[in-house]
Every structure is written in structure tokens, then in C-alpha cells.
N, C-alpha and C. Protein backbone atom coordinates (compact mmCIF):
# COMPACT_ATOMS: atom_id res chain seq x y z
N UNK A 1 105.70 129.39 -67.35
CA UNK A 1 104.29 129.09 -67.19
C UNK A 1 103.55 129.55 -68.46
N UNK A 2 102.76 128.66 -69.00
CA UNK A 2 102.00 128.94 -70.21
C UNK A 2 100.62 129.50 -69.84
N UNK A 3 100.25 130.64 -70.38
CA UNK A 3 98.95 131.27 -70.13
C UNK A 3 98.23 131.36 -71.46
N UNK A 4 97.04 130.74 -71.54
CA UNK A 4 96.23 130.83 -72.76
C UNK A 4 95.49 132.15 -72.79
N UNK A 5 95.37 132.71 -73.99
CA UNK A 5 94.69 133.99 -74.14
C UNK A 5 93.99 134.05 -75.50
N UNK A 6 92.97 134.90 -75.57
CA UNK A 6 92.25 135.16 -76.81
C UNK A 6 92.49 136.60 -77.21
N UNK A 7 92.55 136.86 -78.49
CA UNK A 7 92.67 138.23 -78.98
C UNK A 7 91.31 138.90 -78.88
N UNK A 8 91.24 140.01 -78.17
CA UNK A 8 89.98 140.74 -78.01
C UNK A 8 89.86 141.88 -79.01
N UNK A 9 90.97 142.57 -79.27
CA UNK A 9 90.92 143.73 -80.16
C UNK A 9 92.30 143.98 -80.74
N UNK A 10 92.31 144.40 -81.99
CA UNK A 10 93.55 144.80 -82.64
C UNK A 10 93.36 146.21 -83.17
N UNK A 11 94.24 147.13 -82.79
CA UNK A 11 94.19 148.50 -83.28
C UNK A 11 95.22 148.66 -84.40
N UNK A 12 94.79 149.32 -85.48
CA UNK A 12 95.65 149.49 -86.64
C UNK A 12 95.99 150.96 -86.85
N UNK A 13 97.16 151.21 -87.42
CA UNK A 13 97.57 152.56 -87.77
C UNK A 13 96.65 153.06 -88.89
N UNK A 14 96.14 154.31 -88.79
CA UNK A 14 95.17 154.78 -89.78
C UNK A 14 95.71 154.96 -91.19
N UNK A 15 97.01 155.14 -91.34
CA UNK A 15 97.57 155.36 -92.67
C UNK A 15 98.20 154.09 -93.23
N UNK A 16 99.04 153.44 -92.44
CA UNK A 16 99.77 152.29 -92.96
C UNK A 16 99.05 150.96 -92.77
N UNK A 17 98.01 150.93 -91.94
CA UNK A 17 97.24 149.72 -91.61
C UNK A 17 98.08 148.67 -90.89
N UNK A 18 99.22 149.07 -90.35
CA UNK A 18 100.02 148.16 -89.54
C UNK A 18 99.39 148.01 -88.16
N UNK A 19 99.46 146.83 -87.57
CA UNK A 19 98.94 146.68 -86.21
C UNK A 19 99.76 147.51 -85.22
N UNK A 20 99.05 148.23 -84.34
CA UNK A 20 99.70 149.10 -83.37
C UNK A 20 99.61 148.52 -81.97
N UNK A 21 98.45 147.95 -81.63
CA UNK A 21 98.25 147.40 -80.28
C UNK A 21 97.32 146.20 -80.36
N UNK A 22 97.53 145.26 -79.47
CA UNK A 22 96.69 144.06 -79.39
C UNK A 22 96.22 143.90 -77.95
N UNK A 23 94.90 143.75 -77.76
CA UNK A 23 94.35 143.50 -76.43
C UNK A 23 94.03 142.02 -76.31
N UNK A 24 94.46 141.42 -75.21
CA UNK A 24 94.26 139.99 -74.98
C UNK A 24 93.37 139.77 -73.76
N UNK A 25 92.69 138.63 -73.75
CA UNK A 25 91.89 138.22 -72.60
C UNK A 25 92.39 136.85 -72.14
N UNK A 26 92.66 136.74 -70.85
CA UNK A 26 93.05 135.45 -70.29
C UNK A 26 91.94 134.45 -70.52
N UNK A 27 92.32 133.21 -70.79
CA UNK A 27 91.35 132.17 -71.11
C UNK A 27 91.72 130.88 -70.38
N UNK A 28 91.41 130.79 -69.08
CA UNK A 28 91.75 129.58 -68.34
C UNK A 28 90.97 128.38 -68.86
N UNK A 29 91.49 127.17 -68.71
CA UNK A 29 90.77 125.98 -69.17
C UNK A 29 89.47 125.78 -68.39
N UNK A 30 88.51 125.13 -69.03
CA UNK A 30 87.22 124.76 -68.43
C UNK A 30 86.42 125.94 -67.91
N UNK A 31 86.43 127.04 -68.66
CA UNK A 31 85.59 128.19 -68.34
C UNK A 31 84.80 128.55 -69.59
N UNK A 32 83.79 129.38 -69.42
CA UNK A 32 83.03 129.85 -70.58
C UNK A 32 83.45 131.28 -70.89
N UNK A 33 83.49 131.60 -72.17
CA UNK A 33 83.86 132.94 -72.61
C UNK A 33 82.83 133.42 -73.63
N UNK A 34 82.58 134.72 -73.61
CA UNK A 34 81.69 135.34 -74.59
C UNK A 34 82.57 136.07 -75.59
N UNK A 35 82.41 135.73 -76.88
CA UNK A 35 83.24 136.33 -77.90
C UNK A 35 82.53 136.36 -79.23
N UNK A 36 83.12 137.10 -80.15
CA UNK A 36 82.59 137.18 -81.51
C UNK A 36 83.35 136.18 -82.38
N UNK A 37 82.60 135.32 -83.05
CA UNK A 37 83.18 134.32 -83.93
C UNK A 37 82.88 134.75 -85.37
N UNK A 38 83.88 134.80 -86.24
CA UNK A 38 83.65 135.22 -87.63
C UNK A 38 82.67 134.29 -88.34
N UNK A 39 81.83 134.87 -89.20
CA UNK A 39 80.86 134.12 -89.98
C UNK A 39 81.41 133.94 -91.38
N UNK A 40 81.54 132.68 -91.81
CA UNK A 40 82.03 132.35 -93.14
C UNK A 40 80.85 131.94 -93.99
N UNK A 41 80.54 132.73 -95.02
CA UNK A 41 79.41 132.45 -95.91
C UNK A 41 79.94 131.67 -97.10
N UNK A 42 79.35 130.48 -97.33
CA UNK A 42 79.73 129.65 -98.48
C UNK A 42 78.51 129.43 -99.36
N UNK A 43 78.73 128.93 -100.55
CA UNK A 43 77.65 128.63 -101.48
C UNK A 43 77.16 129.84 -102.25
N UNK A 44 77.96 130.87 -102.34
CA UNK A 44 77.53 132.08 -103.03
C UNK A 44 77.34 131.85 -104.53
N UNK A 45 78.13 130.94 -105.10
CA UNK A 45 78.00 130.67 -106.53
C UNK A 45 76.71 129.95 -106.88
N UNK A 46 76.07 129.27 -105.92
CA UNK A 46 74.83 128.53 -106.18
C UNK A 46 73.60 129.17 -105.55
N UNK A 47 73.74 130.31 -104.91
CA UNK A 47 72.61 130.96 -104.24
C UNK A 47 71.63 131.51 -105.28
N UNK A 48 70.34 131.15 -105.16
CA UNK A 48 69.36 131.60 -106.16
C UNK A 48 69.26 133.12 -106.28
N UNK A 49 69.28 133.82 -105.16
CA UNK A 49 69.17 135.28 -105.21
C UNK A 49 70.37 135.95 -105.88
N UNK A 50 71.54 135.41 -105.64
CA UNK A 50 72.74 135.98 -106.26
C UNK A 50 72.82 135.64 -107.75
N UNK A 51 72.23 134.51 -108.14
CA UNK A 51 72.20 134.16 -109.57
C UNK A 51 71.32 135.12 -110.35
N UNK A 52 70.30 135.69 -109.67
CA UNK A 52 69.39 136.64 -110.33
C UNK A 52 69.82 138.09 -110.10
N UNK A 53 71.13 138.32 -110.15
CA UNK A 53 71.74 139.64 -110.05
C UNK A 53 71.55 140.30 -108.68
N UNK A 54 71.27 139.50 -107.64
CA UNK A 54 71.21 140.03 -106.28
C UNK A 54 72.61 140.21 -105.74
N UNK A 55 72.70 140.77 -104.54
CA UNK A 55 74.00 140.96 -103.92
C UNK A 55 73.92 140.58 -102.45
N UNK A 56 75.04 140.27 -101.89
CA UNK A 56 75.14 139.88 -100.49
C UNK A 56 75.89 140.97 -99.75
N UNK A 57 75.24 141.54 -98.76
CA UNK A 57 75.87 142.59 -97.95
C UNK A 57 75.83 142.15 -96.50
N UNK A 58 76.92 141.57 -95.99
CA UNK A 58 76.92 141.10 -94.60
C UNK A 58 76.94 142.27 -93.62
N UNK A 59 75.85 142.47 -92.90
CA UNK A 59 75.75 143.55 -91.93
C UNK A 59 76.61 143.25 -90.72
N UNK A 60 76.53 142.01 -90.24
CA UNK A 60 77.36 141.58 -89.11
C UNK A 60 78.16 140.38 -89.56
N UNK A 61 79.46 140.54 -89.84
CA UNK A 61 80.27 139.42 -90.30
C UNK A 61 80.74 138.51 -89.17
N UNK A 62 80.03 138.53 -88.05
CA UNK A 62 80.38 137.71 -86.90
C UNK A 62 79.11 137.32 -86.15
N UNK A 63 79.25 136.34 -85.26
CA UNK A 63 78.17 135.89 -84.39
C UNK A 63 78.70 135.93 -82.96
N UNK A 64 77.96 136.54 -82.05
CA UNK A 64 78.36 136.56 -80.65
C UNK A 64 77.95 135.25 -80.01
N UNK A 65 78.92 134.56 -79.40
CA UNK A 65 78.68 133.23 -78.83
C UNK A 65 79.22 133.15 -77.40
N UNK A 66 78.62 132.28 -76.62
CA UNK A 66 79.16 131.90 -75.32
C UNK A 66 79.58 130.45 -75.46
N UNK A 67 80.88 130.20 -75.37
CA UNK A 67 81.41 128.87 -75.63
C UNK A 67 82.38 128.46 -74.53
N UNK A 68 82.64 127.16 -74.48
CA UNK A 68 83.66 126.64 -73.56
C UNK A 68 85.03 127.07 -74.07
N UNK A 69 85.89 127.49 -73.18
CA UNK A 69 87.19 128.01 -73.59
C UNK A 69 88.06 126.95 -74.27
N UNK A 70 87.76 125.67 -74.06
CA UNK A 70 88.53 124.61 -74.71
C UNK A 70 88.04 124.31 -76.12
N UNK A 71 86.88 124.86 -76.51
CA UNK A 71 86.29 124.54 -77.81
C UNK A 71 85.88 125.79 -78.58
N UNK A 72 86.73 126.77 -78.65
CA UNK A 72 86.44 128.01 -79.38
C UNK A 72 86.58 127.73 -80.87
N UNK A 73 85.51 127.91 -81.66
CA UNK A 73 85.61 127.65 -83.09
C UNK A 73 86.34 128.79 -83.80
N UNK A 74 87.12 128.50 -84.84
CA UNK A 74 87.80 129.57 -85.58
C UNK A 74 86.81 130.40 -86.40
N UNK A 75 85.70 129.78 -86.82
CA UNK A 75 84.65 130.47 -87.58
C UNK A 75 83.38 129.62 -87.54
N UNK A 76 82.26 130.23 -87.95
CA UNK A 76 81.00 129.51 -88.12
C UNK A 76 80.64 129.58 -89.58
N UNK A 77 80.43 128.42 -90.18
CA UNK A 77 80.17 128.33 -91.61
C UNK A 77 78.66 128.32 -91.84
N UNK A 78 78.20 129.15 -92.80
CA UNK A 78 76.79 129.23 -93.16
C UNK A 78 76.65 129.08 -94.67
N UNK A 79 75.87 128.10 -95.11
CA UNK A 79 75.69 127.81 -96.53
C UNK A 79 74.42 128.50 -97.02
N UNK A 80 74.54 129.39 -98.01
CA UNK A 80 73.39 130.12 -98.54
C UNK A 80 72.97 129.58 -99.90
N UNK A 81 73.46 128.41 -100.30
CA UNK A 81 73.17 127.89 -101.64
C UNK A 81 71.74 127.38 -101.78
N UNK A 82 71.05 127.09 -100.69
CA UNK A 82 69.67 126.60 -100.81
C UNK A 82 68.69 127.53 -100.20
């Protein structure tokens, strides 16, 4: 029997950075799930603020979303070039 699951948390060894434990959440079809989706920032080379010696410091590199379990996005893309 195949059971779909999402990775909820990964614990790493403090010295070697090897994964030590993985927590999973069951993800049945046609349900909604609340999760953090990674934020992918693009257009950094054309961003006006970064061209004027500014810097980008992502405070939250993810977005909390409620999505259908059949359509979980791998990331959310945000263009900062304009």
C-alpha cells in the first residue's frame, strides 16, 4: 500500500550536518494541508536597490500556505527585478 507523505522537519547532527531524523506528515489525496513553501527570489542581478550597493536579507525564506494536497508547489518564485 502506497502512503503519500510530506517532510515536516529534518534534524541534523550539530557537528557533521548529517541528517539524523526526519518527521513526516501523512498526506491523503483531496485534502488541504498547511505547510511552509520555500521562497525563490529571482531577478537579483536587475534589482535597482541591489545595483546601488544594497543587499538582500531574506528574513523568512518561506511562505506559509494552505494548499490542496494534490497541488503542493515545490517553491514560490518572486521576481524583485522591477
